[in-house]
Amino acid sequence: MKTINASDLGAYLYCQRAWWYRKEGVESGNQEAMAAGTRHHTLHGRKVFIAGGFRLLGWILLLAGLVVLTLYLSLSLFGS
């Protein structure tokens, strides 16, 4: 008896016909559209990753600005 894995179960519950096609080895007729979707998601993932880097850079610059402001005010008020 073949073991049922979670991936097969999820695919079957999502779309029984797609699961059967995959099980029978039938290729999808829209390979070009699927490839375009894969490229789109890859590009989107890169943009999200870059945006996360810019967000981190923003926080670092904000923190650096606060440190500089604190030092400036400390020296202005209590310095020589």
PDB file of N, CA and C in Angstrom:
ATOM      1  N   MET A   1       0.838  -1.172   0.000  1.00  0.00           N
ATOM      2  CA  MET A   1       0.000   0.000   0.000  1.00  0.00           C
ATOM      3  C   MET A   1       0.890   1.246   0.000  1.00  0.00           C
ATOM      4  N   LYS A   2       0.545   2.226  -0.839  1.00  0.00           N
ATOM      5  CA  LYS A   2       1.336   3.451  -0.959  1.00  0.00           C
ATOM      6  C   LYS A   2       1.026   4.390   0.203  1.00  0.00           C
ATOM      7  N   THR A   3       2.067   5.009   0.729  1.00  0.00           N
ATOM      8  CA  THR A   3       1.909   5.964   1.813  1.00  0.00           C
ATOM      9  C   THR A   3       1.383   7.282   1.257  1.00  0.00           C
ATOM     10  N   ILE A   4       0.434   7.867   1.958  1.00  0.00           N
ATOM     11  CA  ILE A   4      -0.110   9.168   1.564  1.00  0.00           C
ATOM     12  C   ILE A   4       0.641  10.230   2.354  1.00  0.00           C
ATOM     13  N   ASN A   5       1.233  11.182   1.644  1.00  0.00           N
ATOM     14  CA  ASN A   5       1.938  12.253   2.347  1.00  0.00           C
ATOM     15  C   ASN A   5       1.062  13.507   2.399  1.00  0.00           C
ATOM     16  N   ALA A   6       1.474  14.464   3.201  1.00  0.00           N
ATOM     17  CA  ALA A   6       0.683  15.675   3.410  1.00  0.00           C
ATOM     18  C   ALA A   6       0.519  16.468   2.121  1.00  0.00           C
ATOM     19  N   SER A   7       1.536  16.467   1.277  1.00  0.00           N
ATOM     20  CA  SER A   7       1.460  17.198   0.014  1.00  0.00           C
ATOM     21  C   SER A   7       0.363  16.635  -0.879  1.00  0.00           C
ATOM     22  N   ASP A   8       0.302  15.308  -0.985  1.00  0.00           N
ATOM     23  CA  ASP A   8      -0.751  14.678  -1.790  1.00  0.00           C
ATOM     24  C   ASP A   8      -2.133  14.964  -1.213  1.00  0.00           C
ATOM     25  N   LEU A   9      -2.241  14.881   0.089  1.00  0.00           N
ATOM     26  CA  LEU A   9      -3.527  15.129   0.731  1.00  0.00           C
ATOM     27  C   LEU A   9      -3.978  16.567   0.503  1.00  0.00           C
ATOM     28  N   GLY A  10      -3.056  17.519   0.666  1.00  0.00           N
ATOM     29  CA  GLY A  10      -3.384  18.925   0.435  1.00  0.00           C
ATOM     30  C   GLY A  10      -3.783  19.187  -1.001  1.00  0.00           C
ATOM     31  N   ALA A  11      -3.056  18.593  -1.946  1.00  0.00           N
ATOM     32  CA  ALA A  11      -3.380  18.773  -3.363  1.00  0.00           C
ATOM     33  C   ALA A  11      -4.742  18.176  -3.678  1.00  0.00           C
ATOM     34  N   TYR A  12      -5.045  17.022  -3.106  1.00  0.00           N
ATOM     35  CA  TYR A  12      -6.334  16.376  -3.350  1.00  0.00           C
ATOM     36  C   TYR A  12      -7.479  17.207  -2.779  1.00  0.00           C
ATOM     37  N   LEU A  13      -7.298  17.716  -1.569  1.00  0.00           N
ATOM     38  CA  LEU A  13      -8.355  18.507  -0.946  1.00  0.00           C
ATOM     39  C   LEU A  13      -8.569  19.828  -1.672  1.00  0.00           C
ATOM     40  N   TYR A  14      -7.488  20.390  -2.229  1.00  0.00           N
ATOM     41  CA  TYR A  14      -7.612  21.651  -2.962  1.00  0.00           C
ATOM     42  C   TYR A  14      -8.330  21.438  -4.286  1.00  0.00           C
ATOM     43  N   CYS A  15      -7.907  20.437  -5.063  1.00  0.00           N
ATOM     44  CA  CYS A  15      -8.530  20.178  -6.364  1.00  0.00           C
ATOM     45  C   CYS A  15      -8.301  18.713  -6.731  1.00  0.00           C
ATOM     46  N   GLN A  16      -9.353  17.937  -6.663  1.00  0.00           N
ATOM     47  CA  GLN A  16      -9.239  16.504  -6.916  1.00  0.00           C
ATOM     48  C   GLN A  16      -8.796  16.214  -8.343  1.00  0.00           C
ATOM     49  N   ARG A  17      -9.281  17.001  -9.280  1.00  0.00           N
ATOM     50  CA  ARG A  17      -8.931  16.770 -10.683  1.00  0.00           C
ATOM     51  C   ARG A  17      -7.448  17.064 -10.925  1.00  0.00           C
ATOM     52  N   ALA A  18      -6.944  18.177 -10.370  1.00  0.00           N
ATOM     53  CA  ALA A  18      -5.528  18.507 -10.532  1.00  0.00           C
ATOM     54  C   ALA A  18      -4.648  17.430  -9.893  1.00  0.00           C
ATOM     55  N   TRP A  19      -5.080  16.922  -8.742  1.00  0.00           N
ATOM     56  CA  TRP A  19      -4.333  15.847  -8.083  1.00  0.00           C
ATOM     57  C   TRP A  19      -4.271  14.616  -8.981  1.00  0.00           C
ATOM     58  N   TRP A  20      -5.401  14.266  -9.587  1.00  0.00           N
ATOM     59  CA  TRP A  20      -5.452  13.092 -10.456  1.00  0.00           C
ATOM     60  C   TRP A  20      -4.570  13.295 -11.684  1.00  0.00           C
ATOM     61  N   TYR A  21      -4.627  14.495 -12.294  1.00  0.00           N
ATOM     62  CA  TYR A  21      -3.769  14.779 -13.454  1.00  0.00           C
ATOM     63  C   TYR A  21      -2.294  14.614 -13.080  1.00  0.00           C
ATOM     64  N   ARG A  22      -1.919  15.167 -11.936  1.00  0.00           N
ATOM     65  CA  ARG A  22      -0.525  15.064 -11.504  1.00  0.00           C
ATOM     66  C   ARG A  22      -0.141  13.611 -11.251  1.00  0.00           C
ATOM     67  N   LYS A  23      -1.050  12.858 -10.642  1.00  0.00           N
ATOM     68  CA  LYS A  23      -0.793  11.443 -10.359  1.00  0.00           C
ATOM     69  C   LYS A  23      -0.620  10.638 -11.648  1.00  0.00           C
ATOM     70  N   GLU A  24      -1.367  10.991 -12.672  1.00  0.00           N
ATOM     71  CA  GLU A  24      -1.301  10.304 -13.961  1.00  0.00           C
ATOM     72  C   GLU A  24      -0.174  10.822 -14.851  1.00  0.00           C
ATOM     73  N   GLY A  25       0.479  11.899 -14.438  1.00  0.00           N
ATOM     74  CA  GLY A  25       1.594  12.445 -15.212  1.00  0.00           C
ATOM     75  C   GLY A  25       1.171  13.312 -16.382  1.00  0.00           C
ATOM     76  N   VAL A  26      -0.054  13.820 -16.359  1.00  0.00           N
ATOM     77  CA  VAL A  26      -0.542  14.691 -17.434  1.00  0.00           C
ATOM     78  C   VAL A  26       0.031  16.085 -17.221  1.00  0.00           C
ATOM     79  N   GLU A  27       0.713  16.612 -18.243  1.00  0.00           N
ATOM     80  CA  GLU A  27       1.286  17.952 -18.138  1.00  0.00           C
ATOM     81  C   GLU A  27       0.219  19.006 -18.328  1.00  0.00           C
ATOM     82  N   SER A  28       0.396  20.103 -17.626  1.00  0.00           N
ATOM     83  CA  SER A  28      -0.534  21.220 -17.745  1.00  0.00           C
ATOM     84  C   SER A  28      -0.402  21.850 -19.127  1.00  0.00           C
ATOM     85  N   GLY A  29      -1.516  22.314 -19.661  1.00  0.00           N
ATOM     86  CA  GLY A  29      -1.510  22.929 -20.989  1.00  0.00           C
ATOM     87  C   GLY A  29      -1.054  24.370 -20.975  1.00  0.00           C
ATOM     88  N   ASN A  30      -0.888  24.945 -19.818  1.00  0.00           N
ATOM     89  CA  ASN A  30      -0.503  26.354 -19.736  1.00  0.00           C
ATOM     90  C   ASN A  30       0.895  26.517 -19.132  1.00  0.00           C
ATOM     91  N   GLN A  31       1.849  25.781 -19.669  1.00  0.00           N
ATOM     92  CA  GLN A  31       3.223  25.825 -19.157  1.00  0.00           C
ATOM     93  C   GLN A  31       3.824  27.222 -19.266  1.00  0.00           C
ATOM     94  N   GLU A  32       3.512  27.927 -20.358  1.00  0.00           N
ATOM     95  CA  GLU A  32       4.063  29.272 -20.540  1.00  0.00           C
ATOM     96  C   GLU A  32       3.538  30.220 -19.459  1.00  0.00           C
ATOM     97  N   ALA A  33       2.252  30.153 -19.184  1.00  0.00           N
ATOM     98  CA  ALA A  33       1.673  31.011 -18.148  1.00  0.00           C
ATOM     99  C   ALA A  33       2.228  30.648 -16.771  1.00  0.00           C
ATOM    100  N   MET A  34       2.420  29.363 -16.525  1.00  0.00           N
ATOM    101  CA  MET A  34       2.976  28.948 -15.241  1.00  0.00           C
ATOM    102  C   MET A  34       4.423  29.419 -15.091  1.00  0.00           C
ATOM    103  N   ALA A  35       5.188  29.370 -16.171  1.00  0.00           N
ATOM    104  CA  ALA A  35       6.572  29.857 -16.133  1.00  0.00           C
ATOM    105  C   ALA A  35       6.591  31.361 -15.891  1.00  0.00           C
ATOM    106  N   ALA A  36       5.663  32.082 -16.530  1.00  0.00           N
ATOM    107  CA  ALA A  36       5.583  33.532 -16.319  1.00  0.00           C
ATOM    108  C   ALA A  36       5.219  33.834 -14.868  1.00  0.00           C
ATOM    109  N   GLY A  37       4.321  33.049 -14.297  1.00  0.00           N
ATOM    110  CA  GLY A  37       3.954  33.230 -12.897  1.00  0.00           C
ATOM    111  C   GLY A  37       5.117  32.959 -11.964  1.00  0.00           C
ATOM    112  N   THR A  38       5.905  31.944 -12.282  1.00  0.00           N
ATOM    113  CA  THR A  38       7.088  31.640 -11.473  1.00  0.00           C
ATOM    114  C   THR A  38       8.090  32.785 -11.535  1.00  0.00           C
ATOM    115  N   ARG A  39       8.308  33.320 -12.744  1.00  0.00           N
ATOM    116  CA  ARG A  39       9.222  34.467 -12.884  1.00  0.00           C
ATOM    117  C   ARG A  39       8.700  35.667 -12.095  1.00  0.00           C
ATOM    118  N   HIS A  40       7.396  35.908 -12.187  1.00  0.00           N
ATOM    119  CA  HIS A  40       6.794  37.034 -11.468  1.00  0.00           C
ATOM    120  C   HIS A  40       7.000  36.883  -9.958  1.00  0.00           C
ATOM    121  N   HIS A  41       6.751  35.700  -9.430  1.00  0.00           N
ATOM    122  CA  HIS A  41       6.902  35.488  -7.999  1.00  0.00           C
ATOM    123  C   HIS A  41       8.364  35.572  -7.566  1.00  0.00           C
ATOM    124  N   THR A  42       9.283  35.128  -8.415  1.00  0.00           N
ATOM    125  CA  THR A  42      10.706  35.250  -8.101  1.00  0.00           C
ATOM    126  C   THR A  42      11.103  36.717  -8.015  1.00  0.00           C
ATOM    127  N   LEU A  43      10.661  37.513  -8.989  1.00  0.00           N
ATOM    128  CA  LEU A  43      10.957  38.946  -8.987  1.00  0.00           C
ATOM    129  C   LEU A  43      10.336  39.622  -7.773  1.00  0.00           C
ATOM    130  N   HIS A  44       9.101  39.261  -7.463  1.00  0.00           N
ATOM    131  CA  HIS A  44       8.429  39.837  -6.300  1.00  0.00           C
ATOM    132  C   HIS A  44       9.190  39.493  -5.014  1.00  0.00           C
ATOM    133  N   GLY A  45       9.640  38.262  -4.897  1.00  0.00           N
ATOM    134  CA  GLY A  45      10.401  37.853  -3.722  1.00  0.00           C
ATOM    135  C   GLY A  45      11.683  38.654  -3.563  1.00  0.00           C
ATOM    136  N   ARG A  46      12.351  38.916  -4.680  1.00  0.00           N
ATOM    137  CA  ARG A  46      13.567  39.743  -4.623  1.00  0.00           C
ATOM    138  C   ARG A  46      13.241  41.151  -4.153  1.00  0.00           C
ATOM    139  N   LYS A  47      12.147  41.718  -4.671  1.00  0.00           N
ATOM    140  CA  LYS A  47      11.756  43.078  -4.277  1.00  0.00           C
ATOM    141  C   LYS A  47      11.415  43.140  -2.793  1.00  0.00           C
ATOM    142  N   VAL A  48      10.737  42.129  -2.289  1.00  0.00           N
ATOM    143  CA  VAL A  48      10.402  42.081  -0.863  1.00  0.00           C
ATOM    144  C   VAL A  48      11.674  41.985  -0.026  1.00  0.00           C
ATOM    145  N   PHE A  49      12.626  41.174  -0.469  1.00  0.00           N
ATOM    146  CA  PHE A  49      13.894  41.037   0.247  1.00  0.00           C
ATOM    147  C   PHE A  49      14.643  42.369   0.281  1.00  0.00           C
ATOM    148  N   ILE A  50      14.707  43.055  -0.857  1.00  0.00           N
ATOM    149  CA  ILE A  50      15.391  44.348  -0.936  1.00  0.00           C
ATOM    150  C   ILE A  50      14.681  45.377  -0.061  1.00  0.00           C
ATOM    151  N   ALA A  51      13.342  45.370  -0.082  1.00  0.00           N
ATOM    152  CA  ALA A  51      12.582  46.305   0.749  1.00  0.00           C
ATOM    153  C   ALA A  51      12.879  46.073   2.229  1.00  0.00           C
ATOM    154  N   GLY A  52      13.030  44.817   2.618  1.00  0.00           N
ATOM    155  CA  GLY A  52      13.382  44.512   4.003  1.00  0.00           C
ATOM    156  C   GLY A  52      14.748  45.073   4.369  1.00  0.00           C
ATOM    157  N   GLY A  53      15.684  45.011   3.425  1.00  0.00           N
ATOM    158  CA  GLY A  53      17.006  45.590   3.658  1.00  0.00           C
ATOM    159  C   GLY A  53      16.947  47.099   3.829  1.00  0.00           C
ATOM    160  N   PHE A  54      16.137  47.753   2.997  1.00  0.00           N
ATOM    161  CA  PHE A  54      15.978  49.205   3.126  1.00  0.00           C
ATOM    162  C   PHE A  54      15.294  49.572   4.442  1.00  0.00           C
ATOM    163  N   ARG A  55      14.353  48.744   4.870  1.00  0.00           N
ATOM    164  CA  ARG A  55      13.687  48.998   6.146  1.00  0.00           C
ATOM    165  C   ARG A  55      14.692  48.899   7.289  1.00  0.00           C
ATOM    166  N   LEU A  56      15.535  47.874   7.257  1.00  0.00           N
ATOM    167  CA  LEU A  56      16.564  47.725   8.281  1.00  0.00           C
ATOM    168  C   LEU A  56      17.526  48.909   8.252  1.00  0.00           C
ATOM    169  N   LEU A  57      17.929  49.313   7.048  1.00  0.00           N
ATOM    170  CA  LEU A  57      18.811  50.471   6.918  1.00  0.00           C
ATOM    171  C   LEU A  57      18.161  51.718   7.503  1.00  0.00           C
ATOM    172  N   GLY A  58      16.868  51.893   7.276  1.00  0.00           N
ATOM    173  CA  GLY A  58      16.148  53.037   7.836  1.00  0.00           C
ATOM    174  C   GLY A  58      16.185  53.050   9.351  1.00  0.00           C
ATOM    175  N   TRP A  59      15.964  51.881   9.968  1.00  0.00           N
ATOM    176  CA  TRP A  59      16.017  51.804  11.425  1.00  0.00           C
ATOM    177  C   TRP A  59      17.422  52.105  11.952  1.00  0.00           C
ATOM    178  N   ILE A  60      18.428  51.600  11.259  1.00  0.00           N
ATOM    179  CA  ILE A  60      19.815  51.854  11.677  1.00  0.00           C
ATOM    180  C   ILE A  60      20.128  53.344  11.588  1.00  0.00           C
ATOM    181  N   LEU A  61      19.721  53.979  10.482  1.00  0.00           N
ATOM    182  CA  LEU A  61      19.965  55.414  10.328  1.00  0.00           C
ATOM    183  C   LEU A  61      19.194  56.230  11.362  1.00  0.00           C
ATOM    184  N   LEU A  62      17.973  55.825  11.678  1.00  0.00           N
ATOM    185  CA  LEU A  62      17.196  56.512  12.711  1.00  0.00           C
ATOM    186  C   LEU A  62      17.896  56.405  14.057  1.00  0.00           C
ATOM    187  N   LEU A  63      18.357  55.220  14.388  1.00  0.00           N
ATOM    188  CA  LEU A  63      19.063  55.020  15.650  1.00  0.00           C
ATOM    189  C   LEU A  63      20.346  55.845  15.691  1.00  0.00           C
ATOM    190  N   ALA A  64      21.085  55.859  14.586  1.00  0.00           N
ATOM    191  CA  ALA A  64      22.318  56.655  14.530  1.00  0.00           C
ATOM    192  C   ALA A  64      22.000  58.138  14.701  1.00  0.00           C
ATOM    193  N   GLY A  65      20.929  58.599  14.074  1.00  0.00           N
ATOM    194  CA  GLY A  65      20.529  59.999  14.219  1.00  0.00           C
ATOM    195  C   GLY A  65      20.168  60.341  15.654  1.00  0.00           C
ATOM    196  N   LEU A  66      19.474  59.434  16.330  1.00  0.00           N
ATOM    197  CA  LEU A  66      19.120  59.672  17.728  1.00  0.00           C
ATOM    198  C   LEU A  66      20.355  59.705  18.621  1.00  0.00           C
ATOM    199  N   VAL A  67      21.324  58.851  18.330  1.00  0.00           N
ATOM    200  CA  VAL A  67      22.572  58.861  19.101  1.00  0.00           C
ATOM    201  C   VAL A  67      23.303  60.183  18.894  1.00  0.00           C
ATOM    202  N   VAL A  68      23.398  60.633  17.653  1.00  0.00           N
ATOM    203  CA  VAL A  68      24.071  61.904  17.357  1.00  0.00           C
ATOM    204  C   VAL A  68      23.332  63.056  18.027  1.00  0.00           C
ATOM    205  N   LEU A  69      22.014  63.064  17.964  1.00  0.00           N
ATOM    206  CA  LEU A  69      21.225  64.122  18.605  1.00  0.00           C
ATOM    207  C   LEU A  69      21.431  64.116  20.112  1.00  0.00           C
ATOM    208  N   THR A  70      21.448  62.943  20.716  1.00  0.00           N
ATOM    209  CA  THR A  70      21.665  62.836  22.160  1.00  0.00           C
ATOM    210  C   THR A  70      23.046  63.358  22.541  1.00  0.00           C
ATOM    211  N   LEU A  71      24.059  62.987  21.774  1.00  0.00           N
ATOM    212  CA  LEU A  71      25.413  63.484  22.056  1.00  0.00           C
ATOM    213  C   LEU A  71      25.486  64.997  21.892  1.00  0.00           C
ATOM    214  N   TYR A  72      24.878  65.511  20.854  1.00  0.00           N
ATOM    215  CA  TYR A  72      24.891  66.959  20.601  1.00  0.00           C
ATOM    216  C   TYR A  72      24.211  67.706  21.749  1.00  0.00           C
ATOM    217  N   LEU A  73      23.029  67.240  22.150  1.00  0.00           N
ATOM    218  CA  LEU A  73      22.313  67.913  23.231  1.00  0.00           C
ATOM    219  C   LEU A  73      23.058  67.781  24.553  1.00  0.00           C
ATOM    220  N   SER A  74      23.664  66.635  24.796  1.00  0.00           N
ATOM    221  CA  SER A  74      24.429  66.448  26.036  1.00  0.00           C
ATOM    222  C   SER A  74      25.611  67.398  26.089  1.00  0.00           C
ATOM    223  N   LEU A  75      26.323  67.525  24.981  1.00  0.00           N
ATOM    224  CA  LEU A  75      27.480  68.422  24.952  1.00  0.00           C
ATOM    225  C   LEU A  75      27.049  69.881  24.993  1.00  0.00           C
ATOM    226  N   SER A  76      25.923  70.202  24.384  1.00  0.00           N
ATOM    227  CA  SER A  76      25.441  71.586  24.386  1.00  0.00           C
ATOM    228  C   SER A  76      24.991  72.010  25.775  1.00  0.00           C
ATOM    229  N   LEU A  77      24.330  71.131  26.489  1.00  0.00           N
ATOM    230  CA  LEU A  77      23.786  71.490  27.795  1.00  0.00           C
ATOM    231  C   LEU A  77      24.786  71.299  28.926  1.00  0.00           C
ATOM    232  N   PHE A  78      25.577  70.246  28.860  1.00  0.00           N
ATOM    233  CA  PHE A  78      26.453  69.909  29.980  1.00  0.00           C
ATOM    234  C   PHE A  78      27.932  69.982  29.628  1.00  0.00           C
ATOM    235  N   GLY A  79      28.232  70.264  28.387  1.00  0.00           N
ATOM    236  CA  GLY A  79      29.624  70.271  27.939  1.00  0.00           C
ATOM    237  C   GLY A  79      30.343  71.552  28.319  1.00  0.00           C
ATOM    238  N   SER A  80      31.541  71.652  27.865  1.00  0.00           N
ATOM    239  CA  SER A  80      32.365  72.807  28.216  1.00  0.00           C
ATOM    240  C   SER A  80      32.078  74.019  27.409  1.00  0.00           C
TER     241      SER A  80
END
